């Protein structure tokens, strides 16, 4: 009987290992840029084509490699970062396993030009599928230029599961932001399909944050406060967002010793500090940097090195919680107590003539046995199935009883009123109905905008003075993906520069609405879906546009306007909720009103 266990060829083993390290173009880019940073580069240029599947190129001005090192760098477990296991607990570099380059060349065509400052000529190396094609000398500047072409060309199953170019580019931008935010001293340039989409000069941390996320009329960093905590265990610094800037898709970043990380436990410390300041569906923004001794953390627990274990997580949790609360209190965002000043509390004195207060007494039944079931209880449990077959007459109406209601037809003769220029109050056969006019109008416009998006029949109005909108790289790619749909409903957009567009026309229904704010809301609404499906994008766009076009809350309406709004709501959107779950109307039933009295 022949043996059935055998060693896999090196190229097959490398392809299997590549699946853990190189999951998509973004993870490939991460490894290449981290190598450039470990080489001491202070100027890094990144070129991307077709979402990274055709080309990923990283050019740096680091210390370069010798011909021998250039060849050895692509062997598995070949690294310059560590030499023994104990070095894992003294890491100050991004890479250390010696797996990334070997994994990349196993699933792509790789070309490298590299030269050290002391060498007159450099080294040119070509590898495909872990096999060296050529290696010779070449003229090149100091540093390393590595080109990764046709990613996953020999792993068709993995290549098939890559998303669209727009989605892969958004993942690349996410990874790019994680790298540049923790390396503000390094100059970065990002080029996508021969178009520069990001140029970041060397700067401070706060300037780098502003350069990436400050593409609105209000400076992004004006909405954050500093955080600082220096202890023997850990140094924590960075910025946290003010509660009023919290959104559903807030920017949240943790870094430790120059490395991006995910840490749900420390995220809990942040949310605990903000407790009571934010609505349930909003999240705080934060950019928090940890500086800690390397032997107090373990980064070698996940192939992507984003999961990091701390030796004393509970102590750091308390330090972080205290630092965030102190920062919020220092800027008068939350009330704070000053334990250093003397506080005099007046205790009310009881008058001698006052009637003494009797001590409360508990009524105790000594015959009560909690383990003995009474007869009524037995009767109730014997026929439990009847609870599900018929309503119980004595049970109060549920507070969510209005979930079953549909918007009724409104008789024009019924008197209608608007309470405090906000909610419309109208009697109906089901009870007293209260309508949110802004959301009611949103529901009507939402259906209309969905129809326009599907039929491509939008009507536009030209702007007398075109508006210029500047976009972050992430917003820019979302806009480019939506541009055909936006044009079909009336938006006229002309590219002014790599990261700016001119808005020349808007949908007729928008009226005097701010075009830039509306466009940004549409972009962010689509991004919140986290989807690439066209239908979900259309629904998100329609909802954002409807929100901008709907009558504002607080506007006084005439009787005719209220009747028209309610009639259109009945015909177009009789459901009680918008697609985002917001309530359009509620009905107080006669029974519920009676209980109030």
Protein backbone atom coordinates (compact mmCIF):
# COMPACT_ATOMS: atom_id res chain seq x y z
CA UNK A 1 0.00 0.00 0.00
CA UNK A 2 1.52 3.36 -1.05
CA UNK A 3 2.00 6.27 1.35
CA UNK A 4 -0.69 8.93 1.25
CA UNK A 5 1.02 11.77 3.13
CA UNK A 6 3.41 13.95 1.13
CA UNK A 7 4.96 17.39 1.24
CA UNK A 8 3.31 20.13 -0.78
CA UNK A 9 5.48 21.92 -3.36
CA UNK A 10 6.76 25.29 -2.20
CA UNK A 11 4.69 27.25 -4.69
CA UNK A 12 1.47 25.51 -3.57
CA UNK A 13 2.30 26.05 0.11
CA UNK A 14 3.01 29.72 -0.62
CA UNK A 15 -0.35 30.14 -2.40
CA UNK A 16 -2.16 28.61 0.56
CA UNK A 17 -0.29 30.82 3.02
CA UNK A 18 -0.98 33.86 0.85
CA UNK A 19 -4.70 33.41 1.53
CA UNK A 20 -4.13 34.35 5.17
CA UNK A 21 -1.90 37.38 4.59
CA UNK A 22 -3.02 38.72 1.18
CA UNK A 23 -6.79 38.70 1.19
CA UNK A 24 -7.38 41.49 -1.33
CA UNK A 25 -5.45 44.36 -3.00
CA UNK A 26 -5.78 46.51 0.13
CA UNK A 27 -3.95 43.97 2.30
CA UNK A 28 -1.22 43.69 -0.35
CA UNK A 29 -0.80 47.47 -0.31
CA UNK A 30 -0.59 47.46 3.49
CA UNK A 31 2.33 45.02 3.47
CA UNK A 32 4.23 46.92 0.77
CA UNK A 33 3.87 50.32 2.46
CA UNK A 34 4.80 48.91 5.89
CA UNK A 35 8.00 47.53 4.35
CA UNK A 36 8.75 50.99 2.96
CA UNK A 37 8.23 52.53 6.40
CA UNK A 38 10.50 49.92 8.02
CA UNK A 39 13.15 50.86 5.45
CA UNK A 40 13.13 54.44 6.78
CA UNK A 41 11.34 56.09 3.85
CA UNK A 42 9.97 59.61 4.34
CA UNK A 43 8.46 59.92 0.87
CA UNK A 44 6.16 57.17 -0.42
CA UNK A 45 4.28 57.19 -3.73
CA UNK A 46 1.48 54.67 -4.37
CA UNK A 47 0.07 53.89 -7.82
CA UNK A 48 -3.13 51.84 -8.30
CA UNK A 49 -4.90 50.62 -11.43
CA UNK A 50 -8.29 48.93 -11.67
CA UNK A 51 -8.82 48.72 -7.93
CA UNK A 52 -5.40 47.06 -7.49
CA UNK A 53 -6.09 43.93 -9.50
CA UNK A 54 -4.05 45.17 -12.51
CA UNK A 55 -1.33 47.12 -10.71
CA UNK A 56 -0.19 48.06 -7.22
CA UNK A 57 3.06 50.00 -7.17
CA UNK A 58 4.90 51.45 -4.16
CA UNK A 59 7.90 53.73 -4.66
CA UNK A 60 9.93 54.80 -1.61
CA UNK A 61 13.18 56.60 -0.84
CA UNK A 62 14.23 54.20 1.91
CA UNK A 63 17.60 52.51 2.37
CA UNK A 64 17.08 50.00 -0.45
CA UNK A 65 18.48 46.46 -0.67
CA UNK A 66 21.63 44.73 -1.90
CA UNK A 67 21.34 42.13 -4.71
CA UNK A 68 21.45 39.31 -2.16
CA UNK A 69 18.89 40.91 0.13
CA UNK A 70 16.57 41.62 -2.82
CA UNK A 71 16.58 37.94 -3.71
CA UNK A 72 16.26 36.69 -0.13
CA UNK A 73 13.41 39.08 0.71
CA UNK A 74 10.99 36.94 -1.33
CA UNK A 75 11.82 33.70 0.46
CA UNK A 76 9.38 32.57 3.13
CA UNK A 77 10.45 33.36 6.71
CA UNK A 78 13.27 35.60 5.49
CA UNK A 79 13.30 38.84 7.48
CA UNK A 80 15.65 41.53 8.74
CA UNK A 81 13.41 42.43 11.68
CA UNK A 82 14.05 39.58 14.15
CA UNK A 83 16.60 36.81 14.62
CA UNK A 84 15.21 34.90 17.63
CA UNK A 85 11.85 34.30 19.33
CA UNK A 86 12.65 36.73 22.16
CA UNK A 87 12.76 39.57 19.63
CA UNK A 88 8.98 39.27 19.19
CA UNK A 89 8.59 41.13 22.49
CA UNK A 90 10.90 43.99 21.51
CA UNK A 91 9.30 44.87 18.17
CA UNK A 92 9.40 48.43 16.89
CA UNK A 93 8.90 47.55 13.22
CA UNK A 94 5.72 46.86 11.28
CA UNK A 95 6.78 43.53 9.78
CA UNK A 96 8.62 40.63 11.40
CA UNK A 97 7.33 37.29 10.10
CA UNK A 98 8.94 37.32 6.65
CA UNK A 99 5.75 36.09 4.99
CA UNK A 100 4.31 39.09 3.12
CA UNK A 101 6.61 39.32 0.08
CA UNK A 102 6.71 35.54 -0.31
CA UNK A 103 2.91 35.46 -0.25
CA UNK A 104 2.61 38.31 -2.76
CA UNK A 105 5.00 36.83 -5.31
CA UNK A 106 3.18 33.47 -5.01
CA UNK A 107 -0.04 34.97 -6.41
CA UNK A 108 1.14 37.81 -8.67
CA UNK A 109 3.76 39.06 -11.11
CA UNK A 110 6.28 41.13 -9.16
CA UNK A 111 8.97 43.51 -10.43
CA UNK A 112 11.49 45.19 -8.10
CA UNK A 113 14.06 47.92 -8.67
CA UNK A 114 16.13 48.72 -5.59
CA UNK A 115 19.40 50.46 -4.72
CA UNK A 116 21.27 51.34 -1.55
CA UNK A 117 22.93 54.78 -1.14
CA UNK A 118 26.42 53.24 -1.17
CA UNK A 119 25.84 51.31 -4.43
CA UNK A 120 26.46 52.76 -7.89
CA UNK A 121 23.89 50.54 -9.59
CA UNK A 122 20.73 48.89 -8.39
CA UNK A 123 19.10 45.47 -8.69
CA UNK A 124 16.25 44.51 -11.01
CA UNK A 125 14.26 41.41 -10.10
CA UNK A 126 11.23 39.75 -11.71
CA UNK A 127 9.24 36.97 -9.99
CA UNK A 128 5.99 35.24 -11.00
CA UNK A 129 4.28 32.52 -9.02
CA UNK A 130 7.26 32.21 -6.63
CA UNK A 131 9.63 31.58 -9.55
CA UNK A 132 12.48 34.02 -10.29
CA UNK A 133 12.30 35.06 -13.95
CA UNK A 134 15.24 37.48 -14.14
CA UNK A 135 17.74 39.21 -11.85
CA UNK A 136 20.23 41.74 -13.16
CA UNK A 137 21.68 45.19 -12.52
CA UNK A 138 19.87 48.41 -13.42
CA UNK A 139 20.05 52.17 -13.04
CA UNK A 140 17.54 53.41 -10.46
CA UNK A 141 17.30 55.98 -7.66
CA UNK A 142 18.04 55.14 -4.03
CA UNK A 143 15.18 53.26 -2.44
CA UNK A 144 12.81 50.56 -3.64
CA UNK A 145 10.24 50.51 -6.45
CA UNK A 146 8.03 47.42 -6.33
CA UNK A 147 5.28 46.67 -8.85
CA UNK A 148 2.66 43.98 -8.16
CA UNK A 149 0.76 43.12 -11.36
CA UNK A 150 -2.16 40.78 -12.08
CA UNK A 151 -2.91 39.92 -8.46
CA UNK A 152 -4.30 36.37 -8.03
CA UNK A 153 -3.65 35.59 -11.71
CA UNK A 154 -2.89 31.97 -10.79
CA UNK A 155 -5.63 31.65 -8.15
CA UNK A 156 -8.79 32.19 -10.22
CA UNK A 157 -11.09 31.28 -7.32
CA UNK A 158 -9.69 34.14 -5.23
CA UNK A 159 -9.68 36.58 -8.14
CA UNK A 160 -13.32 35.75 -8.90
CA UNK A 161 -14.35 36.85 -5.42
CA UNK A 162 -12.80 40.31 -5.71
CA UNK A 163 -15.44 43.06 -5.67
CA UNK A 164 -15.89 45.87 -8.18
CA UNK A 165 -13.04 48.30 -8.78
CA UNK A 166 -14.89 50.98 -6.80
CA UNK A 167 -15.31 48.69 -3.80
CA UNK A 168 -11.69 47.50 -3.87
CA UNK A 169 -10.54 51.10 -4.18
CA UNK A 170 -12.59 52.06 -1.12
CA UNK A 171 -10.86 49.25 0.79
CA UNK A 172 -7.50 50.56 -0.39
CA UNK A 173 -8.42 54.05 0.80
CA UNK A 174 -9.43 52.66 4.20
CA UNK A 175 -6.04 50.95 4.54
CA UNK A 176 -4.30 54.07 3.24
CA UNK A 177 -5.95 56.22 5.92
CA UNK A 178 -4.88 53.80 8.66
CA UNK A 179 -1.27 54.09 7.52
CA UNK A 180 -1.03 57.83 6.88
CA UNK A 181 -2.77 58.81 10.13
CA UNK A 182 -0.08 57.16 12.23
CA UNK A 183 2.82 58.40 10.07
CA UNK A 184 2.24 62.15 9.68
CA UNK A 185 5.98 62.78 9.34
CA UNK A 186 6.00 60.86 6.03
CA UNK A 187 4.97 62.41 2.71
CA UNK A 188 2.43 60.29 0.81
CA UNK A 189 1.01 60.45 -2.71
CA UNK A 190 -1.80 58.20 -3.95
CA UNK A 191 -2.49 57.87 -7.70
CA UNK A 192 -5.49 55.94 -9.02
CA UNK A 193 -5.70 55.20 -12.76
CA UNK A 194 -3.11 57.93 -13.53
CA UNK A 195 -5.04 60.51 -11.45
CA UNK A 196 -3.65 61.94 -8.22
CA UNK A 197 -6.34 61.61 -5.56
CA UNK A 198 -4.30 62.32 -2.43
CA UNK A 199 -1.15 64.33 -1.74
CA UNK A 200 -0.17 64.56 1.92
CA UNK A 201 2.94 66.54 2.86
CA UNK A 202 4.85 65.91 6.08
CA UNK A 203 2.85 67.49 8.91
CA UNK A 204 1.64 67.19 12.49
CA UNK A 205 -0.94 64.60 13.52
CA UNK A 206 -3.72 67.18 13.72
CA UNK A 207 -2.86 68.61 10.31
CA UNK A 208 -2.87 65.11 8.84
CA UNK A 209 -6.34 64.42 10.25
CA UNK A 210 -7.59 67.71 8.81
CA UNK A 211 -6.03 66.94 5.42
CA UNK A 212 -7.88 63.61 5.21
CA UNK A 213 -11.28 64.41 6.71
CA UNK A 214 -11.52 68.20 6.53
CA UNK A 215 -13.44 68.54 3.28
CA UNK A 216 -16.40 70.52 4.60
CA UNK A 217 -17.05 74.18 5.26
CA UNK A 218 -16.33 73.72 8.97
CA UNK A 219 -12.79 72.56 9.89
CA UNK A 220 -12.88 68.94 11.01
CA UNK A 221 -10.32 69.45 13.79
CA UNK A 222 -12.41 72.30 15.23
CA UNK A 223 -14.87 69.58 16.25
CA UNK A 224 -12.40 67.51 18.28
CA UNK A 225 -10.70 67.95 21.65
CA UNK A 226 -7.27 66.79 22.77
CA UNK A 227 -6.77 63.79 25.01
CA UNK A 228 -3.59 63.17 27.02
CA UNK A 229 -2.63 60.67 29.72
CA UNK A 230 0.96 59.83 30.68
CA UNK A 231 1.51 56.98 33.11
CA UNK A 232 4.21 54.45 33.87
CA UNK A 233 2.17 51.76 32.15
CA UNK A 234 1.11 53.57 28.97
CA UNK A 235 1.06 56.99 27.32
CA UNK A 236 -2.21 57.87 25.60
CA UNK A 237 -2.72 60.89 23.35
CA UNK A 238 -4.87 61.93 20.43
CA UNK A 239 -8.24 63.49 19.75
CA UNK A 240 -11.89 62.72 20.49
CA UNK A 241 -14.91 64.22 18.78
CA UNK A 242 -17.33 66.55 20.46
CA UNK A 243 -20.74 64.91 21.00
CA UNK A 244 -22.45 67.19 18.50
CA UNK A 245 -20.24 65.89 15.67
CA UNK A 246 -21.20 62.25 16.30
CA UNK A 247 -22.75 60.48 13.32
CA UNK A 248 -23.66 56.95 12.32
CA UNK A 249 -20.41 56.54 10.37
CA UNK A 250 -17.96 58.34 12.64
CA UNK A 251 -14.20 58.05 12.22
CA UNK A 252 -12.75 55.68 14.83
CA UNK A 253 -9.05 54.78 15.00
CA UNK A 254 -6.82 53.10 17.57
CA UNK A 255 -3.03 52.97 17.09
CA UNK A 256 -0.40 51.35 19.28
CA UNK A 257 3.33 51.93 18.78
CA UNK A 258 2.70 53.19 15.24
CA UNK A 259 0.40 50.30 14.28
CA UNK A 260 -3.35 50.39 13.57
CA UNK A 261 -5.39 48.02 15.71
CA UNK A 262 -8.94 46.96 16.47
CA UNK A 263 -9.84 46.68 20.13
CA UNK A 264 -13.53 46.28 21.13
CA UNK A 265 -12.65 46.40 24.84
CA UNK A 266 -11.03 49.82 24.58
CA UNK A 267 -13.86 50.98 22.32
CA UNK A 268 -16.19 50.13 25.21
CA UNK A 269 -14.19 52.51 27.41
CA UNK A 270 -14.83 55.33 24.91
CA UNK A 271 -18.56 54.65 24.64
CA UNK A 272 -18.83 54.43 28.41
CA UNK A 273 -17.25 57.87 28.76
CA UNK A 274 -19.80 59.28 26.28
CA UNK A 275 -22.71 57.60 28.08
CA UNK A 276 -25.74 59.89 28.14
CA UNK A 277 -24.28 62.33 25.60
CA UNK A 278 -25.18 60.59 22.34
CA UNK A 279 -28.32 59.17 20.77
CA UNK A 280 -28.31 55.36 20.51
CA UNK A 281 -27.63 55.28 16.75
CA UNK A 282 -24.72 57.76 16.82
CA UNK A 283 -21.05 57.04 17.54
CA UNK A 284 -18.23 59.30 18.69
CA UNK A 285 -15.22 60.00 16.50
CA UNK A 286 -11.77 59.36 17.94
CA UNK A 287 -8.12 59.16 16.93
CA UNK A 288 -6.27 57.63 19.88
CA UNK A 289 -2.60 56.68 19.99
CA UNK A 290 -1.03 54.36 22.58
CA UNK A 291 2.69 54.34 23.33
CA UNK A 292 3.64 51.31 25.41
CA UNK A 293 6.65 49.11 26.01
CA UNK A 294 6.84 46.38 23.31
CA UNK A 295 7.06 43.60 25.90
CA UNK A 296 3.64 44.66 27.28
CA UNK A 297 1.81 43.74 24.05
CA UNK A 298 1.64 40.76 21.73
CA UNK A 299 1.12 41.54 18.03
CA UNK A 300 1.75 37.98 16.84
CA UNK A 301 -1.78 36.63 17.25
CA UNK A 302 -3.34 37.32 13.83
CA UNK A 303 -1.94 37.28 10.26
CA UNK A 304 -3.06 40.86 9.58
CA UNK A 305 -1.52 42.09 12.89
CA UNK A 306 -4.58 44.22 13.69
CA UNK A 307 -5.56 42.11 16.71
CA UNK A 308 -3.25 43.00 19.59
CA UNK A 309 -3.16 41.56 23.10
CA UNK A 310 -2.23 43.78 26.06
CA UNK A 311 -0.69 42.38 29.23
CA UNK A 312 -2.77 44.66 31.48
CA UNK A 313 -5.94 45.53 29.56
CA UNK A 314 -8.08 46.34 32.60
CA UNK A 315 -5.68 48.99 33.91
CA UNK A 316 -5.40 50.59 30.45
CA UNK A 317 -9.21 50.52 30.15
CA UNK A 318 -9.50 52.60 33.34
CA UNK A 319 -6.75 55.01 32.24
CA UNK A 320 -8.43 55.51 28.86
CA UNK A 321 -11.87 55.95 30.42
CA UNK A 322 -10.54 58.57 32.86
CA UNK A 323 -8.63 60.39 30.11
CA UNK A 324 -11.68 60.67 27.85
CA UNK A 325 -13.90 61.85 30.69
CA UNK A 326 -11.30 64.41 31.73
CA UNK A 327 -11.05 65.73 28.16
CA UNK A 328 -14.83 66.02 27.84
CA UNK A 329 -15.10 67.73 31.22
CA UNK A 330 -12.17 70.06 30.59
CA UNK A 331 -13.92 71.52 27.59
CA UNK A 332 -17.22 71.78 29.49
CA UNK A 333 -18.81 69.09 27.37
CA UNK A 334 -19.85 67.12 30.44
CA UNK A 335 -20.36 68.42 33.98
CA UNK A 336 -17.32 67.80 36.15
CA UNK A 337 -16.76 67.73 39.89
CA UNK A 338 -13.85 69.65 41.40
CA UNK A 339 -12.58 67.64 44.35
CA UNK A 340 -9.77 70.15 45.06
CA UNK A 341 -12.06 72.99 46.13
CA UNK A 342 -14.06 73.14 49.32
CA UNK A 343 -17.78 72.70 48.87
CA UNK A 344 -20.26 73.73 51.55
CA UNK A 345 -23.51 71.82 51.52
CA UNK A 346 -26.39 73.18 53.53
CA UNK A 347 -28.26 70.44 55.37
CA UNK A 348 -31.87 71.38 56.19
CA UNK A 349 -32.51 71.51 59.92
CA UNK A 350 -35.62 69.96 61.46
CA UNK A 351 -37.61 72.35 63.64
CA UNK A 352 -38.21 71.19 67.25
CA UNK A 353 -41.91 71.90 66.81
CA UNK A 354 -42.16 69.75 63.67
CA UNK A 355 -44.11 66.53 63.84
CA UNK A 356 -41.69 63.61 64.05
CA UNK A 357 -41.59 61.32 61.03
CA UNK A 358 -42.64 57.78 61.81
CA UNK A 359 -40.25 54.98 60.85
CA UNK A 360 -41.52 52.96 57.89
CA UNK A 361 -42.79 49.47 58.71
CA UNK A 362 -42.96 46.50 56.37
CA UNK A 363 -46.04 44.30 56.21
CA UNK A 364 -44.93 40.66 56.38
CA UNK A 365 -47.10 37.59 55.86
CA UNK A 366 -45.44 34.79 57.89
CA UNK A 367 -47.66 32.15 56.24
CA UNK A 368 -46.39 32.92 52.71
CA UNK A 369 -44.55 30.04 51.01
CA UNK A 370 -42.87 31.07 47.72
CA UNK A 371 -42.48 27.43 46.64
CA UNK A 372 -46.18 26.59 46.98
CA UNK A 373 -48.31 27.36 43.93
CA UNK A 374 -51.74 28.80 44.58
CA UNK A 375 -54.84 27.52 42.86
CA UNK A 376 -55.25 30.57 40.57
CA UNK A 377 -51.70 30.07 39.36
CA UNK A 378 -52.39 26.44 38.49
CA UNK A 379 -55.51 27.42 36.62
CA UNK A 380 -53.58 29.95 34.54
CA UNK A 381 -50.83 27.50 33.55
CA UNK A 382 -53.04 24.55 32.71
CA UNK A 383 -54.50 26.21 29.60
CA UNK A 384 -51.53 28.32 28.50
CA UNK A 385 -52.21 27.71 24.78
CA UNK A 386 -55.38 29.82 25.03
CA UNK A 387 -53.18 32.85 25.58
CA UNK A 388 -52.16 32.59 21.93
CA UNK A 389 -55.59 31.85 20.45
CA UNK A 390 -57.65 34.74 21.80
CA UNK A 391 -57.03 38.18 23.32
CA UNK A 392 -57.28 38.67 27.06
CA UNK A 393 -59.92 41.27 27.84
CA UNK A 394 -58.28 42.63 30.97
CA UNK A 395 -54.82 43.08 29.42
CA UNK A 396 -53.98 46.76 28.82
CA UNK A 397 -53.28 47.76 25.24
CA UNK A 398 -49.61 47.49 24.32
CA UNK A 399 -47.59 50.65 24.00
CA UNK A 400 -46.66 49.37 20.52
CA UNK A 401 -50.26 48.84 19.46
CA UNK A 402 -49.91 51.60 16.85
CA UNK A 403 -47.53 49.38 14.86
CA UNK A 404 -50.56 47.78 13.21
CA UNK A 405 -52.07 51.01 11.90
CA UNK A 406 -52.16 52.13 8.27
CA UNK A 407 -52.76 55.72 7.32
CA UNK A 408 -56.50 56.20 6.76
CA UNK A 409 -58.27 58.32 4.17
CA UNK A 410 -58.91 61.86 5.39
CA UNK A 411 -62.33 63.49 5.01
CA UNK A 412 -61.94 67.09 3.82
CA UNK A 413 -64.66 68.19 6.27
CA UNK A 414 -62.72 66.95 9.32
CA UNK A 415 -61.12 69.81 11.27
CA UNK A 416 -57.30 69.65 11.40
CA UNK A 417 -54.91 71.60 13.60
CA UNK A 418 -51.14 71.99 13.85
CA UNK A 419 -49.76 71.95 17.36
CA UNK A 420 -46.94 74.48 18.00
CA UNK A 421 -46.26 74.65 14.23
CA UNK A 422 -45.01 71.06 14.43
CA UNK A 423 -47.27 68.03 14.58
CA UNK A 424 -50.53 67.76 12.67
CA UNK A 425 -53.39 66.52 14.85
CA UNK A 426 -56.45 65.02 13.19
CA UNK A 427 -59.27 62.80 14.51
CA UNK A 428 -59.87 59.51 12.74
CA UNK A 429 -62.07 56.44 13.09
CA UNK A 430 -59.21 54.68 14.91
CA UNK A 431 -58.51 57.45 17.38
CA UNK A 432 -56.57 60.70 17.62
CA UNK A 433 -53.82 60.78 15.02
CA UNK A 434 -50.57 62.82 15.24
CA UNK A 435 -48.50 63.22 12.05
CA UNK A 436 -44.88 64.32 11.67
CA UNK A 437 -45.18 66.64 8.64
CA UNK A 438 -41.50 66.55 7.60
CA UNK A 439 -41.42 62.74 7.59
CA UNK A 440 -44.82 62.55 5.91
CA UNK A 441 -43.52 64.71 3.08
CA UNK A 442 -40.31 62.65 3.01
CA UNK A 443 -42.35 59.48 2.50
CA UNK A 444 -44.13 61.00 -0.50
CA UNK A 445 -40.94 62.39 -2.06
CA UNK A 446 -39.07 59.13 -1.41
CA UNK A 447 -41.43 57.26 -3.72
CA UNK A 448 -41.15 59.99 -6.35
CA UNK A 449 -37.33 59.99 -6.28
CA UNK A 450 -37.18 56.20 -6.52
CA UNK A 451 -39.34 56.40 -9.64
CA UNK A 452 -37.08 59.07 -11.17
CA UNK A 453 -33.97 56.98 -10.47
CA UNK A 454 -35.44 53.91 -12.11
CA UNK A 455 -36.88 55.79 -15.11
CA UNK A 456 -34.01 58.32 -15.58
CA UNK A 457 -36.51 61.13 -16.03
CA UNK A 458 -35.23 63.80 -13.68
CA UNK A 459 -35.68 67.49 -14.48
CA UNK A 460 -32.85 69.85 -13.60
CA UNK A 461 -32.55 73.56 -12.95
CA UNK A 462 -29.37 75.44 -13.81
CA UNK A 463 -27.55 77.24 -11.01
CA UNK A 464 -26.90 80.91 -11.63
CA UNK A 465 -23.63 80.59 -9.69
CA UNK A 466 -22.18 77.05 -9.84
CA UNK A 467 -21.08 75.60 -6.50
CA UNK A 468 -17.68 73.94 -5.92
CA UNK A 469 -17.54 70.88 -3.68
CA UNK A 470 -14.27 69.41 -2.37
CA UNK A 471 -14.31 65.73 -1.45
CA UNK A 472 -12.23 63.31 0.53
CA UNK A 473 -10.79 60.38 -1.49
CA UNK A 474 -13.46 58.04 -0.11
CA UNK A 475 -16.30 60.47 -0.90
CA UNK A 476 -14.77 61.11 -4.33
CA UNK A 477 -14.96 57.45 -5.30
CA UNK A 478 -18.52 57.13 -4.04
CA UNK A 479 -19.49 60.18 -6.10
CA UNK A 480 -17.87 58.75 -9.23
CA UNK A 481 -19.75 55.48 -8.73
CA UNK A 482 -23.03 57.42 -8.38
CA UNK A 483 -22.41 59.97 -11.12
CA UNK A 484 -24.67 58.37 -13.76
CA UNK A 485 -27.55 58.07 -11.29
CA UNK A 486 -27.05 61.64 -10.08
CA UNK A 487 -27.07 62.94 -13.66
CA UNK A 488 -30.28 61.01 -14.40
CA UNK A 489 -32.19 62.87 -11.68
CA UNK A 490 -30.88 66.35 -12.51
CA UNK A 491 -27.42 66.88 -11.00
CA UNK A 492 -24.92 68.51 -13.37
CA UNK A 493 -21.35 67.74 -12.27
CA UNK A 494 -18.08 68.82 -13.91
CA UNK A 495 -14.72 67.73 -12.49
CA UNK A 496 -12.72 70.82 -11.57
CA UNK A 497 -9.65 69.16 -10.03
CA UNK A 498 -8.68 65.66 -8.82
CA UNK A 499 -10.70 66.10 -5.61
CA UNK A 500 -13.23 68.80 -6.51
CA UNK A 501 -16.35 69.05 -8.68
CA UNK A 502 -18.44 71.96 -9.91
CA UNK A 503 -22.20 71.60 -9.41
CA UNK A 504 -23.83 73.33 -12.40
CA UNK A 505 -27.42 72.12 -11.96
CA UNK A 506 -29.60 70.37 -9.40
CA UNK A 507 -32.94 68.49 -9.47
CA UNK A 508 -35.89 70.83 -9.87
CA UNK A 509 -37.47 69.59 -6.64
CA UNK A 510 -34.53 70.78 -4.50
CA UNK A 511 -35.45 74.45 -4.86
CA UNK A 512 -33.21 76.64 -2.69
CA UNK A 513 -31.53 73.74 -0.86
CA UNK A 514 -27.74 73.97 -0.44
CA UNK A 515 -26.37 71.80 -3.31
CA UNK A 516 -23.09 70.87 -1.58
CA UNK A 517 -24.76 69.79 1.66
CA UNK A 518 -27.35 67.79 -0.28
CA UNK A 519 -24.72 66.01 -2.36
CA UNK A 520 -22.65 65.14 0.71
CA UNK A 521 -25.73 63.79 2.47
CA UNK A 522 -26.48 61.57 -0.53
CA UNK A 523 -22.89 60.29 -0.59
CA UNK A 524 -22.82 59.52 3.14
CA UNK A 525 -26.27 57.90 3.05
CA UNK A 526 -25.03 55.51 0.36
CA UNK A 527 -21.82 54.80 2.30
CA UNK A 528 -23.87 53.96 5.40
CA UNK A 529 -25.56 51.13 3.54
CA UNK A 530 -22.24 49.30 3.22
CA UNK A 531 -23.63 47.71 0.07
CA UNK A 532 -22.72 47.66 -3.61
CA UNK A 533 -26.22 46.72 -4.80
CA UNK A 534 -27.77 49.30 -7.16
CA UNK A 535 -31.24 49.02 -5.61
CA UNK A 536 -29.93 49.76 -2.10
CA UNK A 537 -27.95 52.70 -3.47
CA UNK A 538 -31.10 54.06 -5.12
CA UNK A 539 -33.07 53.71 -1.89
CA UNK A 540 -30.35 55.51 0.09
CA UNK A 541 -30.13 58.30 -2.50
CA UNK A 542 -33.90 58.72 -2.63
CA UNK A 543 -34.11 58.91 1.16
CA UNK A 544 -31.34 61.52 1.41
CA UNK A 545 -32.84 63.68 -1.33
CA UNK A 546 -36.32 63.39 0.17
CA UNK A 547 -34.96 64.53 3.53
CA UNK A 548 -33.49 67.66 1.93
CA UNK A 549 -36.56 68.46 -0.18
CA UNK A 550 -39.25 67.87 2.46
CA UNK A 551 -40.93 70.76 4.23
CA UNK A 552 -38.89 71.75 7.30
CA UNK A 553 -40.09 70.85 10.75
CA UNK A 554 -41.58 73.90 12.45
CA UNK A 555 -43.10 75.45 9.35
CA UNK A 556 -46.70 76.58 9.85
CA UNK A 557 -49.07 75.00 7.32
CA UNK A 558 -52.46 76.18 6.12
CA UNK A 559 -55.54 73.93 6.34
CA UNK A 560 -55.38 73.32 2.58
CA UNK A 561 -51.68 72.36 2.77
CA UNK A 562 -52.29 69.97 5.65
CA UNK A 563 -55.24 68.29 3.89
CA UNK A 564 -53.20 67.96 0.69
CA UNK A 565 -50.23 66.47 2.55
CA UNK A 566 -52.38 63.90 4.38
CA UNK A 567 -54.27 62.94 1.22
CA UNK A 568 -51.02 62.37 -0.70
CA UNK A 569 -49.62 60.37 2.21
CA UNK A 570 -52.67 58.09 2.19
CA UNK A 571 -52.33 57.50 -1.56
CA UNK A 572 -48.55 57.13 -1.80
CA UNK A 573 -47.24 55.81 1.53
CA UNK A 574 -49.91 54.46 3.91
CA UNK A 575 -47.28 52.60 6.00
CA UNK A 576 -46.38 53.99 9.40
CA UNK A 577 -42.59 54.05 8.97
CA UNK A 578 -39.98 55.37 6.60
CA UNK A 579 -37.48 52.92 5.11
CA UNK A 580 -34.95 53.97 7.78
CA UNK A 581 -37.37 53.04 10.59
CA UNK A 582 -38.46 56.56 11.57
CA UNK A 583 -42.11 56.94 12.64
CA UNK A 584 -44.34 59.02 10.36
CA UNK A 585 -47.52 59.04 12.48
CA UNK A 586 -48.97 57.61 15.67
CA UNK A 587 -52.57 56.98 16.70
CA UNK A 588 -53.84 57.27 20.24
CA UNK A 589 -56.72 54.82 20.47
CA UNK A 590 -59.87 55.64 22.49
CA UNK A 591 -58.89 52.99 25.07
CA UNK A 592 -55.43 54.49 25.44
CA UNK A 593 -56.86 57.99 25.87
CA UNK A 594 -59.35 56.67 28.44
CA UNK A 595 -56.54 55.11 30.48
CA UNK A 596 -54.92 58.54 30.73
CA UNK A 597 -57.97 59.72 32.70
